[in-house]
Amino acid sequence: MAKFDISYIVVSYNTVDLTRRCLRSIREQSSGFSYEVIVVDNDSTDGSAEMVADEFPEVKLFANKDNLGFARANNQAFDVVQGRFVLLLNPDAEILDNAALRCLQFADEHPNAGVVGCRVMLPNGDQQSTMFRYLRPWYVLINLFVPASWLRNSRLLGRIRYVGRDLDQVHEAEVIAGCFMLVRSNVLEQVGGMDGDFFMYGEEAEWCYRIQRAGWKNQYFPDASILHHAAASAKQNSDRMTINMCRGQLLFIQKTQGTLATRITNVLMIIRDLPRVILWGALRFFPGFRGNHWDQLLRPAATRFVVLLHGLVHSDWSGRA
């Protein structure tokens, strides 16, 4: 029998100040239910683990000696949770208006909801997109001709992000973003934890895929909110973030749609990135180019390109950059 209503899980990596704010928000915005907090620190060098131990003695802390990645770190916590639900919360997020209680009540009222996500607000007041469809080769094909920024905002072509959905209404989605995921513990028992072949990016999509295939619904619930400072850990090394995102996308397709779909997607990504790589290679010799807007726009394609070419020969997409 579960000891708590919710087991919060926070995976941290060199985000000491944001992790402090996250844990304070849990303390201040978690009334009306019982809970525990588990922090898994992935070998931070900024004193994150020490801060948690000193300032939040009630927290169950795992201080890893290596960076295990997001999926394996969460799985560490899954092994010891004692809640009816687990709540995955990014360390750069803050609970607003007792959001966990609101989602808990929604989940209790909707017993077929396996995953519940909430409204996610950015510091500038915009709402972050947190509902997604599974990545498929056709999306990459469209991206050959249409910039990703247009796809994110187009009602016609933005189906992968549910563009045009009324975000004030409850929706079922294929994928709920991993910055806030309330998941039933019996779902965890049924489908297992996250796939440890993913290092970072793609793991929540693959998990949602298995949960949905097991007959559960992944739900967006707008009457609960968090503040998200967005990719605080990943931004510390943008090149590594780009490579891990690319690997995570292809690994997701490999695990859910097969080898042929993965190879097609890999080739489409190479075709998509090739013009950007050529342009970046030509412009990088101009004075003042490095670090400017066009460098930041084109460099991710150049960073991915070597990885994508390597994938034509060695198509094992697991692991990390």
Protein backbone atom coordinates (compact mmCIF):
# COMPACT_ATOMS: atom_id res chain seq x y z
CA MET A 1 0.00 0.00 0.00
CA ALA A 2 1.29 3.45 -0.94
CA LYS A 3 2.64 5.58 1.90
CA PHE A 4 2.17 8.94 0.13
CA ASP A 5 -0.15 10.45 -2.45
CA ILE A 6 2.70 11.83 -4.58
CA SER A 7 6.40 11.10 -4.93
CA TYR A 8 8.08 14.16 -6.45
CA ILE A 9 11.17 13.30 -8.51
CA VAL A 10 13.66 16.04 -9.43
CA VAL A 11 16.74 15.19 -11.53
CA SER A 12 19.35 17.94 -11.21
CA TYR A 13 22.55 18.79 -13.04
CA ASN A 14 24.43 22.03 -12.25
CA THR A 15 21.31 24.07 -11.53
CA VAL A 16 21.88 24.82 -7.85
CA ASP A 17 19.95 28.10 -7.63
CA LEU A 18 17.04 26.89 -9.75
CA THR A 19 16.92 23.58 -7.88
CA ARG A 20 16.68 25.53 -4.61
CA ARG A 21 13.73 27.53 -5.99
CA CYS A 22 12.10 24.35 -7.29
CA LEU A 23 12.31 22.60 -3.91
CA ARG A 24 11.09 25.68 -2.07
CA SER A 25 8.07 25.81 -4.37
CA ILE A 26 7.31 22.18 -3.54
CA ARG A 27 7.43 23.01 0.17
CA GLU A 28 5.21 26.05 -0.24
CA GLN A 29 2.76 24.70 -2.82
CA SER A 30 2.04 21.16 -1.66
CA SER A 31 -0.87 21.27 0.76
CA GLY A 32 -3.88 18.98 1.00
CA PHE A 33 -2.02 15.74 0.22
CA SER A 34 0.88 13.67 1.49
CA TYR A 35 4.13 13.58 -0.42
CA GLU A 36 7.81 12.75 -0.48
CA VAL A 37 10.58 14.39 -2.50
CA ILE A 38 13.40 12.52 -4.19
CA VAL A 39 16.30 14.38 -5.82
CA VAL A 40 18.73 12.57 -8.09
CA ASP A 41 21.80 14.71 -8.76
CA ASN A 42 23.80 13.72 -11.83
CA ASP A 43 27.33 14.55 -10.63
CA SER A 44 26.87 18.33 -10.46
CA THR A 45 29.98 20.41 -9.87
CA ASP A 46 28.18 23.53 -8.60
CA GLY A 47 27.30 22.26 -5.12
CA SER A 48 23.75 21.16 -6.00
CA ALA A 49 23.88 17.93 -4.00
CA GLU A 50 25.42 19.66 -0.97
CA MET A 51 22.77 22.39 -1.11
CA VAL A 52 19.97 19.83 -1.12
CA ALA A 53 21.48 17.93 1.81
CA ASP A 54 22.02 21.13 3.87
CA GLU A 55 18.82 23.06 3.11
CA PHE A 56 16.28 20.29 2.47
CA PRO A 57 17.02 17.49 4.96
CA GLU A 58 13.58 15.97 4.37
CA VAL A 59 14.52 15.16 0.77
CA LYS A 60 15.75 11.70 -0.17
CA LEU A 61 18.95 12.44 -2.11
CA PHE A 62 20.89 10.37 -4.61
CA ALA A 63 24.26 12.01 -5.32
CA ASN A 64 25.58 10.21 -8.38
CA LYS A 65 29.29 10.13 -9.19
CA ASP A 66 28.56 10.13 -12.93
CA ASN A 67 26.01 11.85 -15.15
CA LEU A 68 23.62 9.00 -15.86
CA GLY A 69 21.25 11.03 -18.01
CA PHE A 70 17.60 11.84 -17.44
CA ALA A 71 16.06 8.42 -18.02
CA ARG A 72 18.39 6.37 -15.80
CA ALA A 73 18.31 8.97 -13.04
CA ASN A 74 14.51 8.84 -12.93
CA ASN A 75 14.67 5.06 -12.89
CA GLN A 76 16.86 5.27 -9.78
CA ALA A 77 14.09 7.15 -8.04
CA PHE A 78 11.37 4.84 -9.37
CA ASP A 79 13.01 1.99 -7.47
CA VAL A 80 12.29 3.64 -4.10
CA VAL A 81 9.09 5.67 -4.60
CA GLN A 82 6.28 5.17 -2.10
CA GLY A 83 3.57 7.33 -3.68
CA ARG A 84 0.32 6.45 -5.44
CA PHE A 85 1.63 8.78 -8.14
CA VAL A 86 5.07 9.88 -9.22
CA LEU A 87 5.53 13.48 -10.34
CA LEU A 88 8.51 14.19 -12.57
CA LEU A 89 9.47 17.84 -12.17
CA ASN A 90 12.37 19.61 -13.82
CA PRO A 91 14.77 21.40 -11.46
CA ASP A 92 14.24 24.62 -13.44
CA ALA A 93 10.49 24.54 -12.75
CA GLU A 94 8.44 26.00 -9.91
CA ILE A 95 5.05 24.81 -8.70
CA LEU A 96 2.32 27.47 -8.86
CA ASP A 97 -1.01 27.54 -6.99
CA ASN A 98 -0.80 24.02 -5.56
CA ALA A 99 -0.62 22.55 -9.08
CA ALA A 100 0.19 19.03 -7.90
CA LEU A 101 -3.00 18.83 -5.82
CA ARG A 102 -5.08 20.05 -8.78
CA CYS A 103 -3.56 17.40 -11.04
CA LEU A 104 -3.94 14.73 -8.36
CA GLN A 105 -7.65 15.50 -8.06
CA PHE A 106 -8.05 15.43 -11.84
CA ALA A 107 -6.29 12.06 -12.05
CA ASP A 108 -8.43 10.61 -9.27
CA GLU A 109 -11.54 11.76 -11.16
CA HIS A 110 -10.24 10.25 -14.43
CA PRO A 111 -9.00 6.74 -13.64
CA ASN A 112 -7.99 6.10 -17.27
CA ALA A 113 -5.47 8.96 -17.20
CA GLY A 114 -2.02 7.40 -17.08
CA VAL A 115 -0.07 10.67 -17.43
CA VAL A 116 -1.27 14.16 -16.53
CA GLY A 117 0.54 17.29 -17.66
CA CYS A 118 -0.31 20.87 -16.79
CA ARG A 119 -0.07 24.40 -18.14
CA VAL A 120 3.60 25.44 -18.36
CA MET A 121 4.40 29.15 -18.31
CA LEU A 122 7.67 30.77 -19.34
CA PRO A 123 9.21 33.70 -17.45
CA ASN A 124 8.16 36.11 -20.22
CA GLY A 125 4.50 35.18 -19.74
CA ASP A 126 4.17 32.94 -22.81
CA GLN A 127 2.80 29.43 -22.52
CA GLN A 128 5.21 26.68 -23.48
CA SER A 129 4.11 23.98 -25.88
CA THR A 130 3.99 20.76 -23.85
CA MET A 131 1.77 18.49 -25.98
CA PHE A 132 3.33 16.66 -28.90
CA ARG A 133 2.63 13.97 -31.44
CA TYR A 134 5.15 11.21 -31.95
CA LEU A 135 7.94 12.16 -34.34
CA ARG A 136 7.44 10.48 -37.71
CA PRO A 137 9.45 10.64 -40.96
CA TRP A 138 6.80 12.75 -42.68
CA TYR A 139 7.45 15.59 -40.24
CA VAL A 140 11.14 15.64 -41.17
CA LEU A 141 10.13 15.52 -44.85
CA ILE A 142 7.96 18.62 -44.41
CA ASN A 143 10.83 20.27 -42.53
CA LEU A 144 12.94 19.99 -45.72
CA PHE A 145 10.80 22.74 -47.22
CA VAL A 146 9.30 24.55 -44.24
CA PRO A 147 11.42 26.09 -41.42
CA ALA A 148 10.84 24.63 -37.97
CA SER A 149 9.81 28.06 -36.65
CA TRP A 150 6.94 28.10 -39.15
CA LEU A 151 5.92 24.55 -38.28
CA ARG A 152 5.70 25.52 -34.60
CA ASN A 153 3.13 28.21 -35.41
CA SER A 154 1.26 26.91 -38.46
CA ARG A 155 -2.26 25.59 -37.89
CA LEU A 156 -2.00 23.70 -41.18
CA LEU A 157 1.43 22.12 -40.69
CA GLY A 158 1.89 22.29 -36.92
CA ARG A 159 0.04 19.08 -36.09
CA ILE A 160 3.04 17.63 -34.29
CA ARG A 161 2.65 20.32 -31.60
CA TYR A 162 -1.16 20.41 -31.66
CA VAL A 163 -1.07 23.99 -32.96
CA GLY A 164 -4.55 25.51 -32.80
CA ARG A 165 -5.75 23.50 -29.82
CA ASP A 166 -7.63 25.49 -27.19
CA LEU A 167 -5.14 25.43 -24.32
CA ASP A 168 -7.88 26.28 -21.83
CA GLN A 169 -9.46 22.86 -22.38
CA VAL A 170 -8.51 19.34 -21.33
CA HIS A 171 -6.91 17.39 -24.19
CA GLU A 172 -5.60 13.92 -24.82
CA ALA A 173 -2.13 13.99 -26.39
CA GLU A 174 0.36 11.42 -27.62
CA VAL A 175 3.24 12.93 -25.63
CA ILE A 176 3.27 15.07 -22.48
CA ALA A 177 6.50 17.02 -21.96
CA GLY A 178 8.80 15.69 -19.25
CA CYS A 179 9.14 18.96 -17.33
CA PHE A 180 5.95 18.02 -15.42
CA MET A 181 4.49 14.53 -15.63
CA LEU A 182 2.15 13.08 -13.02
CA VAL A 183 2.13 9.30 -13.55
CA ARG A 184 0.25 6.59 -11.70
CA SER A 185 2.48 4.17 -9.83
CA ASN A 186 0.45 1.23 -11.13
CA VAL A 187 1.18 2.48 -14.67
CA LEU A 188 4.86 2.39 -13.74
CA GLU A 189 4.43 -1.16 -12.47
CA GLN A 190 2.65 -2.18 -15.68
CA VAL A 191 4.90 -0.65 -18.38
CA GLY A 192 8.16 -0.19 -16.48
CA GLY A 193 10.30 2.91 -16.15
CA MET A 194 12.01 5.01 -18.79
CA ASP A 195 14.23 3.39 -21.39
CA GLY A 196 17.81 3.79 -20.23
CA ASP A 197 19.09 3.72 -23.82
CA PHE A 198 18.05 7.38 -23.98
CA PHE A 199 20.42 9.84 -22.36
CA MET A 200 18.38 13.01 -22.71
CA TYR A 201 15.55 13.89 -25.14
CA GLY A 202 13.10 11.36 -26.52
CA GLU A 203 12.75 9.31 -23.34
CA GLU A 204 9.42 10.82 -22.28
CA ALA A 205 8.02 10.32 -25.81
CA GLU A 206 8.99 6.65 -25.82
CA TRP A 207 7.57 6.24 -22.30
CA CYS A 208 4.30 7.93 -23.29
CA TYR A 209 4.19 5.63 -26.32
CA ARG A 210 4.36 2.52 -24.14
CA ILE A 211 1.85 3.95 -21.67
CA GLN A 212 -0.63 4.76 -24.43
CA ARG A 213 -0.19 1.34 -26.03
CA ALA A 214 -1.00 -0.22 -22.65
CA GLY A 215 -4.43 1.43 -22.83
CA TRP A 216 -3.90 4.58 -20.75
CA LYS A 217 -4.56 8.17 -21.78
CA ASN A 218 -1.95 10.94 -21.68
CA GLN A 219 -3.84 14.07 -20.63
CA TYR A 220 -3.18 17.81 -20.66
CA PHE A 221 -4.93 19.57 -17.75
CA PRO A 222 -4.95 23.40 -17.97
CA ASP A 223 -6.24 24.22 -14.48
CA ALA A 224 -2.82 23.67 -12.91
CA SER A 225 0.33 25.64 -13.73
CA ILE A 226 4.08 25.70 -13.25
CA LEU A 227 6.74 28.26 -14.11
CA HIS A 228 9.48 26.80 -16.32
CA HIS A 229 12.84 28.42 -16.91
CA ALA A 230 13.37 25.97 -19.81
CA ALA A 231 16.44 23.86 -20.61
CA ALA A 232 18.66 25.31 -17.88
CA SER A 233 20.88 22.21 -17.75
CA ALA A 234 20.97 21.61 -21.50
CA LYS A 235 21.92 25.20 -22.33
CA GLN A 236 25.21 24.78 -20.47
CA ASN A 237 26.55 22.95 -23.53
CA SER A 238 24.51 23.76 -26.63
CA ASP A 239 26.49 21.45 -28.94
CA ARG A 240 25.95 18.47 -26.66
CA MET A 241 22.27 19.39 -26.34
CA THR A 242 21.95 19.44 -30.16
CA ILE A 243 23.61 16.04 -30.55
CA ASN A 244 21.60 14.42 -27.74
CA MET A 245 18.37 15.78 -29.19
CA CYS A 246 19.23 14.39 -32.63
CA ARG A 247 20.15 11.00 -31.18
CA GLY A 248 17.02 10.94 -29.05
CA GLN A 249 14.77 11.63 -32.04
CA LEU A 250 16.30 8.86 -34.14
CA LEU A 251 16.37 6.41 -31.24
CA PHE A 252 12.66 7.07 -30.64
CA ILE A 253 11.84 6.28 -34.26
CA GLN A 254 14.08 3.20 -34.16
CA LYS A 255 12.29 1.82 -31.10
CA THR A 256 8.73 2.67 -32.19
CA GLN A 257 8.74 2.54 -36.00
CA GLY A 258 11.60 0.25 -36.97
CA THR A 259 14.94 0.28 -38.77
CA LEU A 260 13.67 1.32 -42.21
CA ALA A 261 11.84 4.39 -40.84
CA THR A 262 14.97 5.32 -38.86
CA ARG A 263 17.23 5.14 -41.92
CA ILE A 264 14.77 7.16 -44.00
CA THR A 265 14.60 9.80 -41.28
CA ASN A 266 18.39 9.88 -40.97
CA VAL A 267 18.75 10.52 -44.73
CA LEU A 268 16.02 13.19 -44.65
CA MET A 269 17.80 14.96 -41.79
CA ILE A 270 21.06 14.95 -43.78
CA ILE A 271 19.29 16.45 -46.81
CA ARG A 272 17.62 19.03 -44.56
CA ASP A 273 20.86 20.08 -42.89
CA LEU A 274 23.21 20.02 -45.90
CA PRO A 275 22.38 23.53 -47.25
CA ARG A 276 22.73 24.96 -43.74
CA VAL A 277 26.10 23.25 -43.29
CA ILE A 278 27.41 24.61 -46.58
CA LEU A 279 26.23 28.13 -45.75
CA TRP A 280 27.65 27.96 -42.22
CA GLY A 281 30.96 26.67 -43.57
CA ALA A 282 31.20 29.58 -46.01
CA LEU A 283 30.14 32.32 -43.60
CA ARG A 284 32.25 31.26 -40.62
CA PHE A 285 35.36 32.78 -42.21
CA PHE A 286 33.80 36.25 -42.28
CA PRO A 287 34.89 38.59 -39.47
CA GLY A 288 32.24 38.94 -36.79
CA PHE A 289 30.22 35.93 -37.95
CA ARG A 290 30.93 33.66 -35.01
CA GLY A 291 28.50 34.23 -32.19
CA ASN A 292 26.09 36.36 -34.22
CA HIS A 293 22.48 35.52 -35.08
CA TRP A 294 23.26 33.52 -38.23
CA ASP A 295 26.00 31.54 -36.52
CA GLN A 296 23.60 30.53 -33.76
CA LEU A 297 20.94 29.65 -36.34
CA LEU A 298 23.18 27.55 -38.61
CA ARG A 299 25.62 25.98 -36.16
CA PRO A 300 23.25 23.29 -34.82
CA ALA A 301 22.95 21.84 -38.32
CA ALA A 302 26.74 21.65 -38.61
CA THR A 303 26.93 20.05 -35.15
CA ARG A 304 24.38 17.39 -36.10
CA PHE A 305 25.79 16.70 -39.55
CA VAL A 306 28.79 14.57 -38.55
CA VAL A 307 26.58 12.52 -36.23
CA LEU A 308 24.01 11.97 -38.97
CA LEU A 309 26.67 10.90 -41.47
CA HIS A 310 28.09 8.48 -38.90
CA GLY A 311 24.59 7.06 -38.48
CA LEU A 312 24.51 5.93 -42.09
CA VAL A 313 27.15 3.34 -41.18
CA HIS A 314 26.68 2.82 -37.44
CA SER A 315 23.01 3.20 -36.57
CA ASP A 316 23.14 2.64 -32.79
CA TRP A 317 21.52 5.80 -31.44
CA SER A 318 21.65 4.93 -27.74
CA GLY A 319 23.91 6.66 -25.24
CA ARG A 320 25.11 10.23 -24.96
CA ALA A 321 27.25 12.84 -26.70
